[in-house]
């Protein structure tokens, strides 16, 4: 079992490392660079070539059943769920086969709305302490569940 982190813009790397260390599970930070490698023996850094979605492609190819992926990227989440991995967003929401299709459709709809209306840019709520706490709880539960399998 491995925890894969889509690390370039991940606000919960430290929390994920805490969970990986607690459960003695390998964690892989995948990024285009600019992230300081961890001294933690459970944490590995993988640097992919710069380019659109290179980290996403690497994670989607590497993950499989029993793995956990941490990402806010819905298309990547859909690929990982299809590969049998469990996916947790930064806010603690778990994406599964039952809800990832709806998340993908909502993402596409919002992208269309933003492109049709130049005044509808940005958006979304700020990342909060409650989101961070929820993420930590959900990731811990998902990792415990995945290690039992």
N, C-alpha and C. Protein backbone atom coordinates (compact mmCIF):
# COMPACT_ATOMS: atom_id res chain seq x y z
N UNK A 1 0.83 -1.18 0.00
CA UNK A 1 0.00 0.00 0.00
C UNK A 1 0.88 1.24 0.00
N UNK A 2 0.52 2.20 -0.84
CA UNK A 2 1.25 3.45 -0.95
C UNK A 2 0.27 4.60 -0.95
N UNK A 3 0.66 5.70 -0.31
CA UNK A 3 -0.10 6.94 -0.39
C UNK A 3 0.61 7.80 -1.43
N UNK A 4 -0.09 8.15 -2.49
CA UNK A 4 0.46 9.04 -3.53
C UNK A 4 -0.11 10.43 -3.32
N UNK A 5 0.77 11.42 -3.34
CA UNK A 5 0.35 12.81 -3.14
C UNK A 5 0.61 13.59 -4.42
N UNK A 6 -0.44 14.20 -4.98
CA UNK A 6 -0.30 15.14 -6.09
C UNK A 6 0.21 16.42 -5.42
N UNK A 7 1.53 16.57 -5.36
CA UNK A 7 2.15 17.47 -4.39
C UNK A 7 2.34 18.92 -4.81
N UNK A 8 2.23 19.25 -6.08
CA UNK A 8 2.55 20.61 -6.50
C UNK A 8 1.78 21.69 -5.75
N UNK A 9 0.51 21.53 -5.56
CA UNK A 9 -0.28 22.55 -4.87
C UNK A 9 -1.03 21.96 -3.67
N UNK A 10 -0.47 20.93 -3.09
CA UNK A 10 -1.15 20.23 -1.99
C UNK A 10 -0.94 20.95 -0.66
N UNK A 11 -2.02 21.40 -0.02
CA UNK A 11 -1.88 22.10 1.26
C UNK A 11 -1.79 21.18 2.48
N UNK A 12 -1.86 19.86 2.27
CA UNK A 12 -1.91 18.93 3.40
C UNK A 12 -0.80 17.89 3.37
N UNK A 13 0.34 18.24 2.81
CA UNK A 13 1.47 17.30 2.75
C UNK A 13 1.91 16.88 4.15
N UNK A 14 2.01 17.84 5.07
CA UNK A 14 2.47 17.53 6.43
C UNK A 14 1.50 16.59 7.14
N UNK A 15 0.21 16.81 6.96
CA UNK A 15 -0.79 15.93 7.58
C UNK A 15 -0.71 14.53 7.00
N UNK A 16 -0.53 14.43 5.68
CA UNK A 16 -0.42 13.12 5.05
C UNK A 16 0.84 12.40 5.54
N UNK A 17 1.92 13.14 5.72
CA UNK A 17 3.15 12.54 6.24
C UNK A 17 2.95 12.02 7.66
N UNK A 18 2.20 12.74 8.45
CA UNK A 18 1.89 12.29 9.81
C UNK A 18 1.16 10.95 9.79
N UNK A 19 0.17 10.84 8.91
CA UNK A 19 -0.61 9.60 8.80
C UNK A 19 0.28 8.46 8.28
N UNK A 20 1.08 8.74 7.25
CA UNK A 20 1.96 7.70 6.70
C UNK A 20 2.93 7.19 7.76
N UNK A 21 3.48 8.10 8.55
CA UNK A 21 4.42 7.72 9.59
C UNK A 21 3.73 6.91 10.68
N UNK A 22 2.55 7.34 11.09
CA UNK A 22 1.80 6.65 12.14
C UNK A 22 1.51 5.20 11.74
N UNK A 23 1.18 5.00 10.47
CA UNK A 23 0.82 3.66 10.00
C UNK A 23 1.98 2.93 9.32
N UNK A 24 3.15 3.57 9.30
CA UNK A 24 4.34 2.98 8.68
C UNK A 24 4.07 2.56 7.23
N UNK A 25 3.51 3.51 6.48
CA UNK A 25 3.12 3.29 5.09
C UNK A 25 3.97 4.19 4.19
N UNK A 26 4.38 3.65 3.08
CA UNK A 26 5.15 4.42 2.09
C UNK A 26 4.28 5.56 1.53
N UNK A 27 4.89 6.74 1.43
CA UNK A 27 4.21 7.90 0.86
C UNK A 27 5.10 8.47 -0.25
N UNK A 28 4.50 8.76 -1.40
CA UNK A 28 5.25 9.29 -2.54
C UNK A 28 4.70 10.66 -2.90
N UNK A 29 5.57 11.67 -2.81
CA UNK A 29 5.23 13.03 -3.22
C UNK A 29 5.62 13.18 -4.69
N UNK A 30 4.65 13.43 -5.55
CA UNK A 30 4.93 13.54 -6.98
C UNK A 30 4.73 15.00 -7.39
N UNK A 31 5.79 15.59 -7.97
CA UNK A 31 5.71 17.00 -8.35
C UNK A 31 6.65 17.30 -9.51
N UNK A 32 6.52 18.52 -10.02
CA UNK A 32 7.41 19.01 -11.08
C UNK A 32 8.69 19.59 -10.50
N UNK A 33 8.83 19.57 -9.20
CA UNK A 33 10.02 20.12 -8.54
C UNK A 33 9.64 21.23 -7.60
N UNK A 34 10.62 21.80 -6.95
CA UNK A 34 10.36 22.91 -6.05
C UNK A 34 9.89 22.48 -4.67
N UNK A 35 9.88 21.20 -4.42
CA UNK A 35 9.47 20.71 -3.10
C UNK A 35 10.69 20.07 -2.44
N UNK A 36 10.95 20.49 -1.23
CA UNK A 36 12.11 19.96 -0.50
C UNK A 36 11.85 18.50 -0.12
N UNK A 37 12.77 17.61 -0.44
CA UNK A 37 12.60 16.20 -0.07
C UNK A 37 12.55 16.04 1.46
N UNK A 38 11.76 15.13 1.91
CA UNK A 38 11.60 14.87 3.34
C UNK A 38 12.72 13.95 3.82
N UNK A 39 13.09 14.11 5.07
CA UNK A 39 14.07 13.22 5.70
C UNK A 39 13.40 11.97 6.26
N UNK A 40 12.09 11.95 6.24
CA UNK A 40 11.31 10.83 6.76
C UNK A 40 11.56 9.59 5.90
N UNK A 41 11.92 8.46 6.49
CA UNK A 41 12.20 7.26 5.70
C UNK A 41 10.96 6.69 4.99
N UNK A 42 9.77 7.08 5.41
CA UNK A 42 8.55 6.60 4.76
C UNK A 42 8.16 7.45 3.55
N UNK A 43 8.82 8.61 3.40
CA UNK A 43 8.44 9.56 2.35
C UNK A 43 9.48 9.59 1.24
N UNK A 44 9.00 9.43 0.03
CA UNK A 44 9.85 9.44 -1.17
C UNK A 44 9.37 10.58 -2.07
N UNK A 45 10.29 11.25 -2.72
CA UNK A 45 9.94 12.31 -3.68
C UNK A 45 10.20 11.83 -5.09
N UNK A 46 9.24 12.07 -5.97
CA UNK A 46 9.40 11.76 -7.39
C UNK A 46 9.20 13.08 -8.13
N UNK A 47 10.20 13.44 -8.92
CA UNK A 47 10.13 14.68 -9.70
C UNK A 47 9.95 14.30 -11.16
N UNK A 48 8.84 14.76 -11.73
CA UNK A 48 8.53 14.47 -13.13
C UNK A 48 8.91 15.68 -13.97
N UNK A 49 8.98 15.49 -15.28
CA UNK A 49 9.33 16.61 -16.15
C UNK A 49 8.23 17.66 -16.08
N UNK A 50 8.66 18.91 -16.26
CA UNK A 50 7.66 19.97 -16.23
C UNK A 50 6.83 19.88 -17.49
N UNK A 51 5.59 20.17 -17.34
CA UNK A 51 4.65 20.07 -18.44
C UNK A 51 3.28 19.82 -17.87
N UNK A 52 2.27 20.10 -18.65
CA UNK A 52 0.92 19.94 -18.13
C UNK A 52 0.60 18.49 -17.78
N UNK A 53 0.15 18.30 -16.58
CA UNK A 53 -0.37 17.02 -16.11
C UNK A 53 0.65 15.89 -16.05
N UNK A 54 1.94 16.18 -16.04
CA UNK A 54 2.94 15.12 -15.96
C UNK A 54 2.85 14.36 -14.64
N UNK A 55 2.67 15.09 -13.54
CA UNK A 55 2.53 14.44 -12.24
C UNK A 55 1.26 13.59 -12.21
N UNK A 56 0.20 14.12 -12.78
CA UNK A 56 -1.06 13.37 -12.82
C UNK A 56 -0.90 12.07 -13.60
N UNK A 57 -0.23 12.14 -14.75
CA UNK A 57 -0.01 10.94 -15.56
C UNK A 57 0.80 9.90 -14.77
N UNK A 58 1.83 10.36 -14.08
CA UNK A 58 2.68 9.44 -13.32
C UNK A 58 1.87 8.74 -12.24
N UNK A 59 1.08 9.52 -11.49
CA UNK A 59 0.27 8.95 -10.40
C UNK A 59 -0.76 7.96 -10.96
N UNK A 60 -1.45 8.35 -12.03
CA UNK A 60 -2.49 7.50 -12.61
C UNK A 60 -1.90 6.16 -13.07
N UNK A 61 -0.67 6.17 -13.57
CA UNK A 61 -0.03 4.92 -14.02
C UNK A 61 0.48 4.09 -12.85
N UNK A 62 0.88 4.75 -11.76
CA UNK A 62 1.50 4.04 -10.64
C UNK A 62 0.50 3.46 -9.64
N UNK A 63 -0.63 4.11 -9.46
CA UNK A 63 -1.56 3.68 -8.40
C UNK A 63 -2.38 2.47 -8.83
N UNK A 64 -2.88 1.78 -7.81
CA UNK A 64 -3.71 0.61 -8.09
C UNK A 64 -4.51 0.23 -6.86
N UNK A 65 -5.11 -0.93 -6.88
CA UNK A 65 -5.92 -1.37 -5.74
C UNK A 65 -5.12 -1.38 -4.44
N UNK A 66 -5.73 -0.87 -3.39
CA UNK A 66 -5.07 -0.83 -2.09
C UNK A 66 -4.30 0.45 -1.84
N UNK A 67 -4.05 1.25 -2.88
CA UNK A 67 -3.34 2.52 -2.72
C UNK A 67 -4.32 3.64 -2.40
N UNK A 68 -3.76 4.73 -1.88
CA UNK A 68 -4.55 5.92 -1.57
C UNK A 68 -3.90 7.09 -2.31
N UNK A 69 -4.72 7.90 -2.97
CA UNK A 69 -4.22 9.06 -3.70
C UNK A 69 -4.84 10.31 -3.07
N UNK A 70 -3.99 11.31 -2.83
CA UNK A 70 -4.45 12.60 -2.31
C UNK A 70 -4.32 13.61 -3.43
N UNK A 71 -5.45 14.15 -3.88
CA UNK A 71 -5.45 15.12 -4.96
C UNK A 71 -6.73 15.95 -4.93
N UNK A 72 -6.63 17.13 -5.48
CA UNK A 72 -7.80 17.97 -5.68
C UNK A 72 -8.18 17.98 -7.16
N UNK A 73 -7.44 17.26 -7.97
CA UNK A 73 -7.65 17.22 -9.42
C UNK A 73 -8.68 16.14 -9.73
N UNK A 74 -9.87 16.55 -10.15
CA UNK A 74 -10.97 15.61 -10.34
C UNK A 74 -10.71 14.63 -11.50
N UNK A 75 -10.19 15.08 -12.66
CA UNK A 75 -9.90 14.08 -13.71
C UNK A 75 -8.88 13.03 -13.24
N UNK A 76 -7.85 13.45 -12.50
CA UNK A 76 -6.90 12.48 -11.95
C UNK A 76 -7.61 11.55 -10.98
N UNK A 77 -8.46 12.09 -10.13
CA UNK A 77 -9.19 11.27 -9.17
C UNK A 77 -10.01 10.20 -9.89
N UNK A 78 -10.66 10.58 -10.99
CA UNK A 78 -11.48 9.62 -11.74
C UNK A 78 -10.61 8.48 -12.27
N UNK A 79 -9.41 8.80 -12.78
CA UNK A 79 -8.51 7.76 -13.29
C UNK A 79 -8.04 6.84 -12.16
N UNK A 80 -7.75 7.43 -11.02
CA UNK A 80 -7.26 6.63 -9.89
C UNK A 80 -8.35 5.72 -9.34
N UNK A 81 -9.58 6.23 -9.25
CA UNK A 81 -10.70 5.40 -8.79
C UNK A 81 -10.90 4.25 -9.77
N UNK A 82 -10.81 4.54 -11.08
CA UNK A 82 -10.96 3.48 -12.09
C UNK A 82 -9.85 2.42 -11.95
N UNK A 83 -8.67 2.84 -11.47
CA UNK A 83 -7.56 1.90 -11.28
C UNK A 83 -7.68 1.12 -9.98
N UNK A 84 -8.68 1.44 -9.17
CA UNK A 84 -8.90 0.72 -7.92
C UNK A 84 -8.36 1.39 -6.68
N UNK A 85 -7.76 2.57 -6.83
CA UNK A 85 -7.22 3.29 -5.67
C UNK A 85 -8.34 4.04 -4.94
N UNK A 86 -8.08 4.37 -3.69
CA UNK A 86 -8.99 5.22 -2.92
C UNK A 86 -8.47 6.64 -3.05
N UNK A 87 -9.36 7.61 -3.15
CA UNK A 87 -8.97 9.00 -3.38
C UNK A 87 -9.56 9.89 -2.30
N UNK A 88 -8.70 10.76 -1.75
CA UNK A 88 -9.13 11.74 -0.75
C UNK A 88 -8.72 13.12 -1.23
N UNK A 89 -9.70 14.03 -1.28
CA UNK A 89 -9.40 15.42 -1.63
C UNK A 89 -8.81 16.14 -0.42
N UNK A 90 -8.23 17.30 -0.66
CA UNK A 90 -7.58 18.06 0.41
C UNK A 90 -8.53 18.46 1.53
N UNK A 91 -9.81 18.59 1.22
CA UNK A 91 -10.78 19.00 2.24
C UNK A 91 -11.36 17.81 3.00
N UNK A 92 -10.87 16.60 2.71
CA UNK A 92 -11.33 15.42 3.42
C UNK A 92 -12.45 14.67 2.73
N UNK A 93 -12.90 15.15 1.60
CA UNK A 93 -13.94 14.45 0.86
C UNK A 93 -13.32 13.23 0.16
N UNK A 94 -13.95 12.08 0.34
CA UNK A 94 -13.46 10.88 -0.35
C UNK A 94 -14.21 10.74 -1.66
N UNK A 95 -13.48 10.51 -2.74
CA UNK A 95 -14.09 10.29 -4.04
C UNK A 95 -14.06 8.79 -4.32
N UNK A 96 -15.22 8.26 -4.69
CA UNK A 96 -15.39 6.83 -4.92
C UNK A 96 -16.03 6.61 -6.28
N UNK A 97 -16.19 5.36 -6.65
CA UNK A 97 -16.86 5.04 -7.91
C UNK A 97 -18.29 5.59 -7.91
N UNK A 98 -18.89 5.71 -6.73
CA UNK A 98 -20.27 6.19 -6.63
C UNK A 98 -20.41 7.69 -6.82
N UNK A 99 -19.36 8.47 -6.54
CA UNK A 99 -19.53 9.93 -6.62
C UNK A 99 -18.54 10.65 -7.52
N UNK A 100 -17.54 9.98 -8.05
CA UNK A 100 -16.53 10.68 -8.85
C UNK A 100 -17.11 11.16 -10.19
N UNK A 101 -18.07 10.43 -10.74
CA UNK A 101 -18.70 10.87 -12.00
C UNK A 101 -19.43 12.19 -11.82
N UNK A 102 -20.15 12.32 -10.71
CA UNK A 102 -20.86 13.57 -10.42
C UNK A 102 -19.86 14.71 -10.19
N UNK A 103 -18.77 14.43 -9.48
CA UNK A 103 -17.74 15.45 -9.24
C UNK A 103 -17.12 15.90 -10.56
N UNK A 104 -16.89 14.98 -11.47
CA UNK A 104 -16.33 15.30 -12.77
C UNK A 104 -17.31 16.13 -13.60
N UNK A 105 -18.58 15.76 -13.58
CA UNK A 105 -19.60 16.51 -14.31
C UNK A 105 -19.74 17.93 -13.76
N UNK A 106 -19.71 18.07 -12.43
CA UNK A 106 -19.81 19.38 -11.80
C UNK A 106 -18.61 20.24 -12.17
N UNK A 107 -17.42 19.64 -12.15
CA UNK A 107 -16.20 20.37 -12.53
C UNK A 107 -16.31 20.87 -13.95
N UNK A 108 -16.76 20.00 -14.87
CA UNK A 108 -16.88 20.40 -16.27
C UNK A 108 -17.92 21.50 -16.46
N UNK A 109 -19.04 21.40 -15.75
CA UNK A 109 -20.07 22.43 -15.82
C UNK A 109 -19.54 23.77 -15.33
N UNK A 110 -18.86 23.77 -14.20
CA UNK A 110 -18.32 25.02 -13.66
C UNK A 110 -17.27 25.62 -14.60
N UNK A 111 -16.48 24.77 -15.24
CA UNK A 111 -15.48 25.26 -16.20
C UNK A 111 -16.18 25.92 -17.39
N UNK A 112 -17.27 25.32 -17.86
CA UNK A 112 -18.03 25.90 -18.96
C UNK A 112 -18.65 27.23 -18.55
N UNK A 113 -19.20 27.31 -17.34
CA UNK A 113 -19.81 28.55 -16.87
C UNK A 113 -18.77 29.67 -16.75
N UNK A 114 -17.58 29.33 -16.25
CA UNK A 114 -16.52 30.34 -16.13
C UNK A 114 -16.06 30.83 -17.49
N UNK A 115 -15.98 29.93 -18.46
CA UNK A 115 -15.52 30.36 -19.78
C UNK A 115 -16.59 31.17 -20.51
N UNK A 116 -17.86 30.96 -20.18
CA UNK A 116 -18.95 31.71 -20.81
C UNK A 116 -19.16 33.08 -20.18
N UNK A 117 -18.72 33.26 -18.94
CA UNK A 117 -18.94 34.51 -18.22
C UNK A 117 -17.61 34.99 -17.63
N UNK A 118 -16.99 35.98 -18.26
CA UNK A 118 -15.68 36.44 -17.77
C UNK A 118 -15.72 37.02 -16.36
N UNK A 119 -16.89 37.33 -15.86
CA UNK A 119 -17.01 37.88 -14.50
C UNK A 119 -17.15 36.79 -13.45
N UNK A 120 -17.32 35.55 -13.88
CA UNK A 120 -17.46 34.42 -12.96
C UNK A 120 -16.11 33.70 -12.88
N UNK A 121 -15.14 34.34 -12.28
CA UNK A 121 -13.80 33.77 -12.19
C UNK A 121 -13.48 33.47 -10.74
N UNK A 122 -12.47 32.62 -10.56
CA UNK A 122 -12.09 32.27 -9.19
C UNK A 122 -13.21 31.51 -8.54
N UNK A 123 -13.44 31.81 -7.30
CA UNK A 123 -14.54 31.18 -6.61
C UNK A 123 -14.09 30.09 -5.68
N UNK A 124 -15.05 29.43 -5.14
CA UNK A 124 -14.73 28.39 -4.17
C UNK A 124 -14.43 29.02 -2.83
N UNK A 125 -14.61 28.22 -1.80
CA UNK A 125 -14.34 28.75 -0.46
C UNK A 125 -12.87 28.55 -0.10
N UNK A 126 -12.41 29.32 0.84
CA UNK A 126 -11.03 29.23 1.29
C UNK A 126 -10.82 27.91 2.04
N UNK A 127 -9.58 27.41 1.99
CA UNK A 127 -9.21 26.21 2.71
C UNK A 127 -9.13 26.58 4.19
N UNK A 128 -9.82 25.83 5.04
CA UNK A 128 -9.93 26.21 6.45
C UNK A 128 -9.28 25.18 7.38
N UNK A 129 -9.19 25.55 8.65
CA UNK A 129 -8.69 24.61 9.66
C UNK A 129 -9.60 23.40 9.76
N UNK A 130 -10.89 23.62 9.59
CA UNK A 130 -11.85 22.51 9.63
C UNK A 130 -11.59 21.54 8.47
N UNK A 131 -11.26 22.08 7.28
CA UNK A 131 -10.93 21.23 6.14
C UNK A 131 -9.68 20.39 6.44
N UNK A 132 -8.68 21.03 7.03
CA UNK A 132 -7.43 20.35 7.37
C UNK A 132 -7.68 19.22 8.38
N UNK A 133 -8.49 19.50 9.38
CA UNK A 133 -8.82 18.51 10.40
C UNK A 133 -9.63 17.35 9.80
N UNK A 134 -10.60 17.69 8.95
CA UNK A 134 -11.42 16.67 8.30
C UNK A 134 -10.54 15.78 7.42
N UNK A 135 -9.61 16.40 6.68
CA UNK A 135 -8.69 15.64 5.84
C UNK A 135 -7.90 14.63 6.68
N UNK A 136 -7.34 15.09 7.78
CA UNK A 136 -6.53 14.23 8.65
C UNK A 136 -7.35 13.04 9.14
N UNK A 137 -8.57 13.29 9.59
CA UNK A 137 -9.45 12.21 10.07
C UNK A 137 -9.79 11.22 8.97
N UNK A 138 -10.17 11.74 7.80
CA UNK A 138 -10.60 10.87 6.70
C UNK A 138 -9.40 10.07 6.17
N UNK A 139 -8.25 10.72 5.97
CA UNK A 139 -7.09 9.99 5.48
C UNK A 139 -6.69 8.88 6.45
N UNK A 140 -6.71 9.17 7.73
CA UNK A 140 -6.37 8.15 8.73
C UNK A 140 -7.34 6.97 8.62
N UNK A 141 -8.63 7.24 8.50
CA UNK A 141 -9.63 6.18 8.39
C UNK A 141 -9.44 5.37 7.10
N UNK A 142 -9.19 6.06 5.99
CA UNK A 142 -9.01 5.38 4.70
C UNK A 142 -7.75 4.51 4.71
N UNK A 143 -6.67 5.01 5.28
CA UNK A 143 -5.43 4.24 5.35
C UNK A 143 -5.62 3.01 6.25
N UNK A 144 -6.29 3.19 7.39
CA UNK A 144 -6.55 2.03 8.25
C UNK A 144 -7.36 0.98 7.51
N UNK A 145 -8.37 1.43 6.80
CA UNK A 145 -9.23 0.52 6.03
C UNK A 145 -8.44 -0.18 4.91
N UNK A 146 -7.61 0.56 4.24
CA UNK A 146 -6.84 0.00 3.11
C UNK A 146 -5.77 -0.99 3.59
N UNK A 147 -5.22 -0.78 4.77
CA UNK A 147 -4.18 -1.69 5.26
C UNK A 147 -4.79 -2.99 5.77
N UNK A 148 -6.08 -3.00 6.06
CA UNK A 148 -6.75 -4.23 6.52
C UNK A 148 -7.03 -5.18 5.37
N UNK A 149 -7.08 -4.65 4.16
CA UNK A 149 -7.44 -5.46 2.98
C UNK A 149 -6.34 -6.39 2.59
